[in-house]
Amino acid sequence: MPKDIADLLRSIAGIKRSRGVISRELVRVLEEVYSSTRGNVVYISSRGVVNKVQRVRRLSSCDRVLMRNLLSSTLSEVNARRVNESRGIYAVSRRDLALIISRLREMTNEQ
């Protein structure tokens, strides 16, 4: 049970988290995707990644936007091919996905 109005609002809207926490959650989900794929090409949906994180943690709308932006910027750094423009689906090789995970780990360690 929430103690006051601030606790109630946090439980409804989610708590705004730092960039380090967001990148840590992204690393966790992308490692899960990396380990579960068998082929050379991995299809990543930004909506699917956010939904996987949201099953474990409650995210605010700011956190979701930050997570999508962080994911799309790291995917564009490795020149991931955008399969579907409107849905945010990318095609990435497993080697590039490993590179993305290592970059996000470095970002997490810096913060």
C-alpha atoms as a PDB file:
ATOM      1  CA  MET A   1       0.000   0.000   0.000  1.00  0.00           C
ATOM      2  CA  PRO A   2       1.351   3.462  -0.863  1.00  0.00           C
ATOM      3  CA  LYS A   3       2.150   5.655   2.123  1.00  0.00           C
ATOM      4  CA  ASP A   4       1.511   9.008   0.504  1.00  0.00           C
ATOM      5  CA  ILE A   5       0.583  10.601  -2.816  1.00  0.00           C
ATOM      6  CA  ALA A   6       4.184  10.551  -4.094  1.00  0.00           C
ATOM      7  CA  ASP A   7       4.392   6.771  -3.566  1.00  0.00           C
ATOM      8  CA  LEU A   8       1.062   6.331  -5.313  1.00  0.00           C
ATOM      9  CA  LEU A   9       2.196   8.363  -8.334  1.00  0.00           C
ATOM     10  CA  ARG A  10       5.459   6.426  -8.561  1.00  0.00           C
ATOM     11  CA  SER A  11       3.617   3.115  -8.480  1.00  0.00           C
ATOM     12  CA  ILE A  12       1.221   4.244 -11.222  1.00  0.00           C
ATOM     13  CA  ALA A  13       3.585   6.057 -13.592  1.00  0.00           C
ATOM     14  CA  GLY A  14       6.820   4.250 -12.837  1.00  0.00           C
ATOM     15  CA  ILE A  15       9.990   5.794 -11.499  1.00  0.00           C
ATOM     16  CA  LYS A  16      12.222   7.847 -13.758  1.00  0.00           C
ATOM     17  CA  ARG A  17      15.549   6.057 -13.903  1.00  0.00           C
ATOM     18  CA  SER A  18      19.051   7.094 -14.835  1.00  0.00           C
ATOM     19  CA  ARG A  19      20.764   6.355 -18.129  1.00  0.00           C
ATOM     20  CA  GLY A  20      22.976   3.767 -16.432  1.00  0.00           C
ATOM     21  CA  VAL A  21      20.008   1.716 -15.240  1.00  0.00           C
ATOM     22  CA  ILE A  22      18.430   1.915 -18.690  1.00  0.00           C
ATOM     23  CA  SER A  23      21.625   0.758 -20.410  1.00  0.00           C
ATOM     24  CA  ARG A  24      21.997  -2.079 -17.877  1.00  0.00           C
ATOM     25  CA  GLU A  25      18.490  -3.307 -18.682  1.00  0.00           C
ATOM     26  CA  LEU A  26      19.216  -3.035 -22.412  1.00  0.00           C
ATOM     27  CA  VAL A  27      22.349  -5.158 -21.949  1.00  0.00           C
ATOM     28  CA  ARG A  28      20.333  -7.785 -20.090  1.00  0.00           C
ATOM     29  CA  VAL A  29      17.670  -8.034 -22.807  1.00  0.00           C
ATOM     30  CA  LEU A  30      20.139  -7.958 -25.713  1.00  0.00           C
ATOM     31  CA  GLU A  31      22.243 -10.709 -24.097  1.00  0.00           C
ATOM     32  CA  GLU A  32      19.086 -12.786 -23.826  1.00  0.00           C
ATOM     33  CA  VAL A  33      18.361 -12.160 -27.519  1.00  0.00           C
ATOM     34  CA  TYR A  34      21.973 -12.983 -28.456  1.00  0.00           C
ATOM     35  CA  SER A  35      21.962 -16.277 -26.589  1.00  0.00           C
ATOM     36  CA  SER A  36      18.596 -17.384 -27.966  1.00  0.00           C
ATOM     37  CA  THR A  37      19.389 -16.837 -31.671  1.00  0.00           C
ATOM     38  CA  ARG A  38      20.988 -19.457 -33.859  1.00  0.00           C
ATOM     39  CA  GLY A  39      21.354 -17.794 -37.237  1.00  0.00           C
ATOM     40  CA  ASN A  40      23.688 -15.080 -38.436  1.00  0.00           C
ATOM     41  CA  VAL A  41      21.057 -12.332 -38.604  1.00  0.00           C
ATOM     42  CA  VAL A  42      19.079 -11.079 -35.610  1.00  0.00           C
ATOM     43  CA  TYR A  43      15.897  -9.043 -35.945  1.00  0.00           C
ATOM     44  CA  ILE A  44      15.438  -6.536 -33.139  1.00  0.00           C
ATOM     45  CA  SER A  45      12.249  -4.606 -32.491  1.00  0.00           C
ATOM     46  CA  SER A  46      12.567  -1.551 -30.264  1.00  0.00           C
ATOM     47  CA  ARG A  47       9.012  -2.083 -29.048  1.00  0.00           C
ATOM     48  CA  GLY A  48       9.779  -5.714 -28.210  1.00  0.00           C
ATOM     49  CA  VAL A  49      12.896  -4.765 -26.256  1.00  0.00           C
ATOM     50  CA  VAL A  50      11.001  -2.147 -24.244  1.00  0.00           C
ATOM     51  CA  ASN A  51       8.194  -4.640 -23.540  1.00  0.00           C
ATOM     52  CA  LYS A  52      10.690  -7.250 -22.289  1.00  0.00           C
ATOM     53  CA  VAL A  53      12.181  -4.720 -19.891  1.00  0.00           C
ATOM     54  CA  GLN A  54       8.738  -3.617 -18.809  1.00  0.00           C
ATOM     55  CA  ARG A  55       7.812  -7.168 -17.776  1.00  0.00           C
ATOM     56  CA  VAL A  56      10.551  -6.986 -15.144  1.00  0.00           C
ATOM     57  CA  ARG A  57      10.573  -3.265 -14.244  1.00  0.00           C
ATOM     58  CA  ARG A  58       7.956  -0.566 -14.321  1.00  0.00           C
ATOM     59  CA  LEU A  59       9.138   2.180 -16.698  1.00  0.00           C
ATOM     60  CA  SER A  60       7.956   5.748 -16.999  1.00  0.00           C
ATOM     61  CA  SER A  61       7.270   7.232 -20.421  1.00  0.00           C
ATOM     62  CA  CYS A  62      10.560   9.182 -20.206  1.00  0.00           C
ATOM     63  CA  ASP A  63      12.415   5.918 -19.582  1.00  0.00           C
ATOM     64  CA  ARG A  64      10.777   4.262 -22.575  1.00  0.00           C
ATOM     65  CA  VAL A  65      11.735   7.166 -24.838  1.00  0.00           C
ATOM     66  CA  LEU A  66      15.290   7.145 -23.471  1.00  0.00           C
ATOM     67  CA  MET A  67      15.545   3.391 -24.033  1.00  0.00           C
ATOM     68  CA  ARG A  68      14.289   3.608 -27.624  1.00  0.00           C
ATOM     69  CA  ASN A  69      16.657   6.490 -28.392  1.00  0.00           C
ATOM     70  CA  LEU A  70      19.620   4.706 -26.828  1.00  0.00           C
ATOM     71  CA  LEU A  71      18.838   1.521 -28.737  1.00  0.00           C
ATOM     72  CA  SER A  72      18.357   3.271 -32.076  1.00  0.00           C
ATOM     73  CA  SER A  73      21.550   5.309 -31.672  1.00  0.00           C
ATOM     74  CA  THR A  74      23.644   2.230 -30.880  1.00  0.00           C
ATOM     75  CA  LEU A  75      22.048   0.334 -33.763  1.00  0.00           C
ATOM     76  CA  SER A  76      22.777   3.167 -36.177  1.00  0.00           C
ATOM     77  CA  GLU A  77      26.428   3.241 -35.014  1.00  0.00           C
ATOM     78  CA  VAL A  78      26.935  -0.306 -36.266  1.00  0.00           C
ATOM     79  CA  ASN A  79      24.963   0.386 -39.474  1.00  0.00           C
ATOM     80  CA  ALA A  80      22.067  -1.933 -38.705  1.00  0.00           C
ATOM     81  CA  ARG A  81      19.631  -2.264 -41.576  1.00  0.00           C
ATOM     82  CA  ARG A  82      16.185  -0.893 -40.844  1.00  0.00           C
ATOM     83  CA  VAL A  83      13.634  -3.466 -41.978  1.00  0.00           C
ATOM     84  CA  ASN A  84      10.436  -1.659 -41.037  1.00  0.00           C
ATOM     85  CA  GLU A  85      10.541   2.118 -40.679  1.00  0.00           C
ATOM     86  CA  SER A  86       7.286   2.602 -38.762  1.00  0.00           C
ATOM     87  CA  ARG A  87       7.675  -0.278 -36.301  1.00  0.00           C
ATOM     88  CA  GLY A  88      11.360   0.190 -35.542  1.00  0.00           C
ATOM     89  CA  ILE A  89      12.528  -3.260 -36.601  1.00  0.00           C
ATOM     90  CA  TYR A  90      16.241  -3.667 -37.351  1.00  0.00           C
ATOM     91  CA  ALA A  91      18.297  -6.475 -38.881  1.00  0.00           C
ATOM     92  CA  VAL A  92      21.696  -6.928 -37.228  1.00  0.00           C
ATOM     93  CA  SER A  93      24.379  -9.570 -37.577  1.00  0.00           C
ATOM     94  CA  ARG A  94      25.338 -11.486 -34.438  1.00  0.00           C
ATOM     95  CA  ARG A  95      28.827  -9.986 -34.568  1.00  0.00           C
ATOM     96  CA  ASP A  96      27.367  -6.463 -34.569  1.00  0.00           C
ATOM     97  CA  LEU A  97      25.002  -7.395 -31.744  1.00  0.00           C
ATOM     98  CA  ALA A  98      28.000  -8.496 -29.661  1.00  0.00           C
ATOM     99  CA  LEU A  99      29.605  -5.127 -30.434  1.00  0.00           C
ATOM    100  CA  ILE A 100      26.443  -3.300 -29.314  1.00  0.00           C
ATOM    101  CA  ILE A 101      26.386  -5.260 -26.056  1.00  0.00           C
ATOM    102  CA  SER A 102      30.040  -4.443 -25.342  1.00  0.00           C
ATOM    103  CA  ARG A 103      29.463  -0.726 -26.032  1.00  0.00           C
ATOM    104  CA  LEU A 104      26.450  -0.651 -23.726  1.00  0.00           C
ATOM    105  CA  ARG A 105      28.489  -2.422 -21.029  1.00  0.00           C
ATOM    106  CA  GLU A 106      31.186   0.242 -21.348  1.00  0.00           C
ATOM    107  CA  MET A 107      28.532   2.929 -21.039  1.00  0.00           C
ATOM    108  CA  THR A 108      27.163   1.248 -17.918  1.00  0.00           C
ATOM    109  CA  ASN A 109      30.629   1.005 -16.349  1.00  0.00           C
ATOM    110  CA  GLU A 110      31.329   4.695 -16.975  1.00  0.00           C
ATOM    111  CA  GLN A 111      28.247   5.832 -15.064  1.00  0.00           C
END
